Protein backbone atom coordinates (compact mmCIF):
# COMPACT_ATOMS: atom_id res chain seq x y z
CA MET A 1 0.00 0.00 0.00
CA GLN A 2 1.42 3.35 -1.05
CA LYS A 3 2.16 5.71 1.85
CA GLN A 4 0.63 9.17 1.96
CA LEU A 5 2.53 11.99 0.29
CA PRO A 6 3.18 15.29 2.14
CA ARG A 7 0.38 17.81 2.43
CA TRP A 8 0.52 20.66 -0.05
CA GLY A 9 1.47 24.11 1.26
CA GLN A 10 4.46 26.05 2.52
CA TRP A 11 6.71 24.20 4.96
CA ILE A 12 9.37 26.05 6.97
CA GLY A 13 11.87 24.68 9.46
CA THR A 14 15.48 23.72 10.01
CA ALA A 15 18.15 21.25 9.01
CA THR A 16 20.90 20.28 11.47
CA GLY A 17 24.00 18.11 11.25
CA THR A 18 27.13 18.74 9.22
CA ASN A 19 25.32 21.90 8.14
CA ASN A 20 22.75 24.02 9.95
CA ALA A 21 20.23 25.79 7.79
CA MET A 22 16.71 27.13 7.34
CA LEU A 23 14.56 25.01 5.03
CA ILE A 24 11.64 26.26 2.96
CA LEU A 25 9.61 23.73 0.98
CA ASN A 26 6.82 24.82 -1.39
CA ILE A 27 4.31 22.25 -2.71
CA ASP A 28 1.35 22.97 -5.02
CA LYS A 29 -1.96 21.21 -4.43
CA ASP A 30 -2.09 19.75 -7.94
CA ARG A 31 1.44 18.31 -7.64
CA THR A 32 1.81 16.95 -4.12
CA ASN A 33 4.55 14.58 -5.24
CA GLU A 34 6.92 17.44 -6.09
CA GLY A 35 7.99 20.96 -5.19
CA THR A 36 10.89 23.37 -4.74
CA ILE A 37 13.11 23.37 -1.67
CA TYR A 38 15.45 26.13 -0.40
CA PHE A 39 18.39 25.46 1.88
CA GLN A 40 19.72 28.65 3.53
CA ASP A 41 22.95 27.77 5.30
CA ASN A 42 23.58 29.52 8.61
CA ASP A 43 27.29 29.62 7.78
CA LYS A 44 27.61 32.58 5.42
CA SER A 45 30.86 31.18 4.01
CA LEU A 46 28.88 28.24 2.59
CA SER A 47 26.43 28.31 -0.29
CA SER A 48 22.69 28.43 0.03
CA MET A 49 20.89 26.26 -2.50
CA LYS A 50 17.64 25.62 -4.32
CA GLY A 51 16.54 22.31 -5.76
CA SER A 52 13.61 20.42 -7.22
CA VAL A 53 12.24 17.71 -4.95
CA GLU A 54 10.19 14.67 -5.94
CA PHE A 55 8.59 12.52 -3.24
CA ILE A 56 8.45 8.80 -3.92
CA ASP A 57 7.53 5.67 -1.99
CA ASN A 58 10.62 3.46 -2.19
CA GLY A 59 8.91 0.52 -0.47
CA GLU A 60 10.30 1.40 2.94
CA GLY A 61 8.86 4.89 3.25
CA ILE A 62 8.56 8.31 1.64
CA VAL A 63 11.79 9.82 0.30
CA GLY A 64 12.26 13.24 -1.23
CA GLU A 65 14.77 13.05 -4.10
CA ILE A 66 16.39 16.46 -4.58
CA THR A 67 17.91 17.30 -7.97
CA LYS A 68 18.73 20.38 -10.09
CA LEU A 69 20.59 21.94 -7.17
CA THR A 70 21.76 25.49 -7.82
CA THR A 71 23.60 27.90 -5.52
CA PHE A 72 22.80 31.50 -4.60
CA GLY A 73 25.20 34.41 -4.39
CA ALA A 74 28.91 34.63 -4.93
CA ASN A 75 30.93 32.30 -2.72
CA SER A 76 34.69 32.64 -2.23
CA ASN A 77 35.03 29.35 -0.33
CA ARG A 78 37.03 27.36 -2.88
CA GLU A 79 37.19 24.33 -0.59
CA GLU A 80 33.43 23.87 -0.58
CA VAL A 81 32.15 20.87 -2.54
CA ILE A 82 28.71 21.64 -3.96
CA PRO A 83 26.37 18.62 -4.01
CA LYS A 84 24.53 17.64 -7.16
CA THR A 85 21.79 15.62 -5.45
CA ALA A 86 20.38 15.12 -1.98
CA GLN A 87 17.65 13.19 -0.18
CA LEU A 88 15.06 13.79 2.52
CA ILE A 89 14.23 10.51 4.28
CA LEU A 90 10.97 10.94 6.17
CA THR A 91 10.75 9.17 9.53
CA GLY A 92 7.65 10.97 10.79
CA MET A 93 4.85 12.90 9.12
CA THR A 94 1.57 14.46 10.25
CA LEU A 95 -0.68 16.99 8.54
CA ASP A 96 1.39 19.82 10.02
CA GLN A 97 4.91 18.42 10.50
CA MET A 98 7.58 16.45 8.66
CA GLU A 99 10.78 15.17 10.19
CA GLY A 100 13.55 12.80 9.24
CA THR A 101 17.11 12.69 8.03
CA TRP A 102 18.84 14.27 5.07
CA ARG A 103 21.97 13.47 3.13
CA ALA A 104 23.77 14.89 0.11
CA ASP A 105 26.09 13.22 -2.36
CA ASN A 106 29.07 15.24 -1.04
CA GLY A 107 28.86 13.53 2.37
CA GLN A 108 26.87 16.22 4.20
CA CYS A 109 24.05 14.81 6.33
CA GLY A 110 21.87 15.37 9.37
CA GLU A 111 18.29 15.70 10.54
CA PHE A 112 15.45 18.03 9.53
CA ASN A 113 12.16 19.22 10.96
CA ILE A 114 9.68 21.39 9.02
CA ASN A 115 6.17 22.61 9.76
CA ILE A 116 3.26 23.96 7.73
CA ARG A 117 3.02 27.76 7.94
CA GLU A 118 -0.52 28.45 6.80
CA SER A 119 -2.26 30.41 9.59
CA THR A 120 -5.83 31.49 8.87
CA GLU A 121 -6.19 34.21 11.51
CA SER A 122 -4.66 37.67 11.65
CA GLN A 123 -1.73 38.21 14.03
CA VAL A 124 -1.61 41.99 13.75
CA LYS A 125 -2.63 44.23 16.64
CA ALA A 126 -5.92 45.92 15.71
CA GLU A 127 -7.81 48.89 17.11
CA VAL A 128 -11.56 49.37 16.64
CA ILE A 129 -12.18 52.93 15.48
CA ASP A 130 -15.22 54.97 14.42
CA TRP A 131 -15.29 56.23 10.83
CA ASP A 132 -15.04 59.90 11.87
CA ASP A 133 -11.96 59.16 13.98
CA TYR A 134 -10.41 57.16 11.14
CA LEU A 135 -11.09 60.04 8.75
CA SER A 136 -9.24 62.41 11.08
CA PHE A 137 -6.33 59.96 11.33
CA ALA A 138 -6.18 59.56 7.54
CA ILE A 139 -5.99 63.32 6.92
CA LYS A 140 -3.41 63.85 9.65
CA SER A 141 -1.22 60.95 8.52
CA LYS A 142 -1.04 62.38 5.00
CA ARG A 143 0.20 65.68 6.42
CA THR A 144 2.72 64.38 8.91
CA THR A 145 3.93 60.88 8.02
CA SER A 146 5.37 59.87 4.67
CA SER A 147 6.60 56.44 5.76
CA PHE A 148 3.13 54.87 6.19
CA ILE A 149 1.48 52.78 3.50
CA PHE A 150 -2.06 51.43 3.78
CA ARG A 151 -4.11 48.45 2.65
CA GLY A 152 -7.88 48.06 2.96
CA GLN A 153 -9.60 44.67 3.26
CA PRO A 154 -13.39 44.08 3.41
CA ASP A 155 -13.27 41.73 6.40
CA SER A 156 -11.12 42.00 9.50
CA LYS A 157 -11.08 38.23 10.03
CA TYR A 158 -8.74 37.46 7.15
CA PRO A 159 -4.94 37.90 7.36
CA LEU A 160 -2.70 39.54 4.81
CA ARG A 161 -2.20 37.11 1.93
CA THR A 162 -1.33 37.61 -1.71
CA SER A 163 -3.72 36.54 -4.46
CA PHE A 164 -1.18 33.88 -5.47
CA HIS A 165 -1.02 32.47 -1.94
CA ARG A 166 -4.85 32.51 -1.71
CA THR A 167 -4.88 29.90 -4.47
CA ALA A 168 -3.76 26.28 -4.07
CA ARG A 169 -0.30 27.19 -5.31
CA ARG A 170 2.93 27.80 -3.38
CA ASP A 171 5.80 27.09 -5.80
CA LEU A 172 6.94 30.44 -7.21
CA THR A 173 9.67 28.81 -9.30
CA ARG A 174 7.01 26.94 -11.25
CA TYR A 175 4.87 30.10 -11.39
CA SER A 176 7.75 32.07 -12.88
CA LEU A 177 8.70 29.46 -15.48
CA GLU A 178 5.22 28.41 -16.55
CA ASP A 179 2.54 30.96 -15.66
CA MET A 180 4.39 34.23 -16.22
CA SER A 181 5.76 33.04 -19.56
CA THR A 182 2.27 32.02 -20.67
CA LEU A 183 0.84 35.37 -19.58
CA ASN A 184 3.58 37.31 -21.36
CA ASN A 185 3.04 35.35 -24.58
CA TYR A 186 -0.72 35.95 -24.36
CA LEU A 187 -0.18 39.72 -24.09
CA ALA A 188 2.16 39.67 -27.07
CA ASN A 189 -0.25 37.62 -29.19
CA SER A 190 -3.17 39.92 -28.32
CA ASN A 191 -1.19 43.05 -29.25
CA HIS A 192 -0.89 44.31 -25.68
CA GLY A 193 2.88 44.44 -25.72
CA GLN A 194 5.52 42.08 -24.43
CA PHE A 195 7.78 42.31 -21.38
CA ASN A 196 11.43 41.35 -21.10
CA LEU A 197 11.18 38.87 -18.23
CA SER A 198 14.95 38.85 -17.71
CA ASP A 199 14.78 42.56 -16.77
CA PRO A 200 13.69 42.85 -13.08
CA LYS A 201 11.90 46.18 -13.72
CA GLU A 202 9.90 44.80 -16.63
CA PHE A 203 9.17 41.59 -14.75
CA ALA A 204 7.81 43.66 -11.86
CA ALA A 205 5.79 45.78 -14.30
CA LEU A 206 4.16 42.66 -15.74
CA LEU A 207 3.32 41.50 -12.22
CA SER A 208 1.80 44.91 -11.48
CA LEU A 209 -0.32 44.82 -14.62
CA ALA A 210 -1.47 41.29 -13.87
CA GLN A 211 -2.31 42.23 -10.26
CA HIS A 212 -4.49 45.16 -11.28
CA HIS A 213 -6.45 42.97 -13.69
CA GLY A 214 -7.19 40.16 -11.27
CA TYR A 215 -4.49 37.65 -12.17
CA PRO A 216 -2.96 35.87 -9.14
CA THR A 217 0.45 37.29 -8.20
CA PRO A 218 2.77 37.27 -5.15
CA LEU A 219 2.09 41.02 -4.75
CA LEU A 220 -0.04 42.82 -2.20
CA ASP A 221 -1.57 46.16 -3.22
CA TRP A 222 -0.91 49.11 -0.91
CA SER A 223 -1.57 52.82 -1.21
CA ARG A 224 0.20 55.87 0.12
CA SER A 225 -3.28 57.21 0.91
CA ALA A 226 -5.21 56.01 3.97
CA LEU A 227 -8.39 57.26 2.26
CA VAL A 228 -7.82 55.18 -0.87
CA ALA A 229 -7.22 52.17 1.38
CA ALA A 230 -10.53 52.86 3.15
CA PHE A 231 -12.30 52.94 -0.23
CA PHE A 232 -11.01 49.47 -1.04
CA ALA A 233 -11.98 48.24 2.43
CA PHE A 234 -15.61 49.34 1.99
CA ARG A 235 -15.96 48.94 -1.78
CA THR A 236 -17.31 45.38 -1.93
CA VAL A 237 -19.21 45.42 1.37
CA LYS A 238 -22.95 45.05 0.75
CA PRO A 239 -25.13 47.81 2.23
CA GLU A 240 -27.20 45.25 4.13
CA ASP A 241 -24.10 43.71 5.71
CA SER A 242 -23.94 45.56 9.02
CA ASP A 243 -22.17 42.92 11.11
CA GLY A 244 -18.44 42.81 11.57
CA PHE A 245 -15.61 45.11 10.56
CA VAL A 246 -13.57 46.15 7.57
CA ARG A 247 -9.86 46.54 8.17
CA VAL A 248 -7.15 48.99 7.10
CA TYR A 249 -3.55 47.90 7.67
CA VAL A 250 -0.87 50.51 8.34
CA PHE A 251 2.69 49.46 7.45
CA ASP A 252 5.61 51.66 8.53
CA LEU A 253 8.21 51.46 5.75
CA ASP A 254 10.88 53.32 7.73
CA ASN A 255 10.64 50.89 10.65
CA TRP A 256 10.65 47.93 8.28
CA THR A 257 13.80 49.23 6.59
CA THR A 258 15.49 49.78 9.96
CA TYR A 259 14.32 46.75 11.94
CA GLY A 260 12.99 44.34 9.30
CA GLN A 261 14.57 41.59 7.24
CA GLY A 262 17.56 43.67 6.18
CA PHE A 263 17.46 43.08 2.42
CA LYS A 264 15.21 43.64 -0.60
CA SER A 265 14.31 41.08 -3.24
CA ILE A 266 11.73 40.56 -5.97
CA SER A 267 13.25 37.29 -7.16
CA MET A 268 10.92 34.32 -7.59
CA ASP A 269 13.90 32.18 -6.62
CA GLU A 270 14.78 34.08 -3.43
CA HIS A 271 16.07 31.54 -0.88
CA ARG A 272 15.32 33.80 2.08
CA ILE A 273 11.91 34.71 3.46
CA SER A 274 11.07 38.07 1.93
CA VAL A 275 8.51 40.87 2.21
CA THR A 276 9.82 43.64 -0.03
CA PRO A 277 8.10 46.99 -0.81
CA ILE A 278 8.43 47.95 -4.48
CA GLU A 279 7.25 50.79 -6.72
CA VAL A 280 6.58 49.86 -10.32
CA PHE A 281 6.49 52.07 -13.40
CA SER A 282 2.99 51.92 -14.89
CA GLN A 283 3.50 50.64 -18.44
CA GLY A 284 -0.02 49.93 -19.69
CA ASN A 285 -1.42 50.46 -16.18
CA SER A 286 -3.55 53.61 -15.90
CA ARG A 287 -4.73 52.74 -12.36
CA SER A 288 -1.40 52.96 -10.58
CA LEU A 289 -1.17 56.76 -10.32
CA PRO A 290 -4.69 57.61 -9.09
CA GLN A 291 -4.56 54.78 -6.54
CA GLN A 292 -1.14 56.02 -5.30
CA SER A 293 -0.09 52.41 -5.63
CA LEU A 294 2.89 50.49 -4.50
CA PHE A 295 3.27 46.84 -3.66
CA THR A 296 4.94 44.37 -1.40
CA PHE A 297 6.42 41.33 -3.07
CA THR A 298 6.52 38.24 -0.89
CA ASN A 299 7.41 34.57 -1.12
CA ILE A 300 5.78 33.65 2.20
CA THR A 301 2.19 32.68 2.90
CA ASP A 302 2.27 33.80 6.53
CA ILE A 303 3.14 37.47 5.89
CA GLU A 304 1.95 38.81 9.23
CA ARG A 305 4.03 36.37 11.26
CA TRP A 306 7.18 37.38 9.37
CA ILE A 307 6.58 41.11 9.87
CA THR A 308 5.51 41.02 13.52
CA ILE A 309 8.45 38.89 14.70
CA HIS A 310 10.68 41.86 13.85
CA GLU A 311 8.81 44.18 16.20
CA LYS A 312 10.21 44.97 19.61
CA PRO A 313 9.21 47.18 22.55
CA GLY A 314 8.76 50.71 21.27
CA VAL A 315 8.99 49.67 17.61
CA GLU A 316 5.68 49.11 15.81
CA ILE A 317 6.01 48.04 12.19
CA ILE A 318 2.43 47.13 11.35
CA LYS A 319 -0.97 47.70 12.92
CA ALA A 320 -4.60 47.71 11.82
CA TYR A 321 -7.73 49.79 12.23
CA ASP A 322 -11.07 47.97 12.26
CA ILE A 323 -14.10 50.03 11.21
CA ARG A 324 -17.68 48.80 11.48
CA LYS A 325 -19.18 47.65 8.19
CA SER A 326 -22.34 49.55 9.12
CA SER A 327 -20.34 52.76 8.44
CA ARG A 328 -20.20 51.93 4.73
CA GLN A 329 -22.79 54.43 3.46
CA LEU A 330 -21.28 57.33 5.39
CA ALA A 331 -17.72 56.39 4.46
CA MET A 332 -18.41 55.99 0.74
CA LYS A 333 -20.28 59.31 0.64
CA ASP A 334 -17.40 61.12 2.36
CA LEU A 335 -14.88 59.51 0.03
CA GLU A 336 -16.92 60.43 -3.06
CA ASN A 337 -16.96 64.05 -1.88
CA MET A 338 -13.15 63.89 -1.82
CA ASN A 339 -13.13 62.47 -5.39
CA ILE A 340 -12.15 59.01 -4.18
CA SER A 341 -14.50 56.86 -6.22
CA SER A 342 -14.49 54.08 -8.79
CA ALA A 343 -14.55 56.65 -11.58
CA ALA A 344 -11.38 58.31 -10.26
CA LEU A 345 -9.50 55.13 -9.28
CA PHE A 346 -10.45 52.98 -12.29
CA PRO A 347 -10.15 55.16 -15.41
CA GLY A 348 -12.47 53.93 -18.15
CA LEU A 349 -16.06 52.83 -18.57
CA ASP A 350 -15.96 50.10 -15.91
CA GLY A 351 -14.98 52.56 -13.20
CA SER A 352 -17.46 55.19 -14.38
CA PHE A 353 -20.36 52.74 -14.43
CA GLU A 354 -19.42 51.40 -11.00
CA ALA A 355 -19.37 54.95 -9.62
CA LEU A 356 -22.78 55.72 -11.14
CA LYS A 357 -24.17 52.48 -9.72
CA GLU A 358 -22.82 53.41 -6.28
CA LYS A 359 -24.41 56.86 -6.49
CA SER A 360 -27.82 55.89 -7.84
CA PHE A 361 -28.58 52.37 -6.68
CA ILE A 362 -26.54 51.58 -3.54
CA ASN A 363 -27.71 53.27 -0.38
């Protein structure tokens, strides 16, 4: 009888032994027998690596065969012998944990332990606030603080998560090689231009365009305007839905730069956990400027956990304001009076019709 393969998702943990490292394993739901694994060595003089892993039942148990190993970054350690293949030998597995031993063809070996990181509840400190008080905060923050960026979500119960990570996909290497190439070819064939995917700026621009048109990406939309963020928080809330709260996240870029992860990356093959703010030039994207848009690129499902572990006493990097959904009518009317509406934020007929619908039929 074939043994059960690992659960799909993002697994994070450690490897110990001849080498000590952080492990990140990404498995897509439609390919639970394979994925991409990252091995970030704690010893900076040694290489960090990425490889493709295939899980098989060898008759004795589940083994992850790791091939296509590649290294990251320049390494001056000429004595290091880079492995070509490696194995994960599973000795214990539950829905949330995998453990076992590992070995590489260069003689390195040890034990590993990784856990699913797929939390479904927010871990950010939130404050319940009335709409009028939030409006005062939004106006004041625009005057006095340039380091804040904002994101509105229509329900306070759900954590920060990219549209890519809200799907049943986790493997960004596969996404980059397969999905982004397909999308780029589609745009070229439909006379919407083509992007040079080897150029990081153009790659980011394609991601931005895809994000604004509903295609899953590892980006989160943010705005430099707390009022624009509030619009997106309330936009899809139904007038009759008076229970619960919308949420606006406030992310302090200066504190993240000073106390956060310490590097920036928009690489799909980044071997470190990354949440990186980026601004993208708006080739073919007329929405970016009116929405005062910027993004965070991330390769981690559990964004909030990664940000909040960098906070310390006296240093707040991210927080949230929860506003009652019953405030929707008042909020949307105030925002319309400040020219923050679908017509302004979504240039074109779709935005204009949505704004007219809001004005004439939603109350």
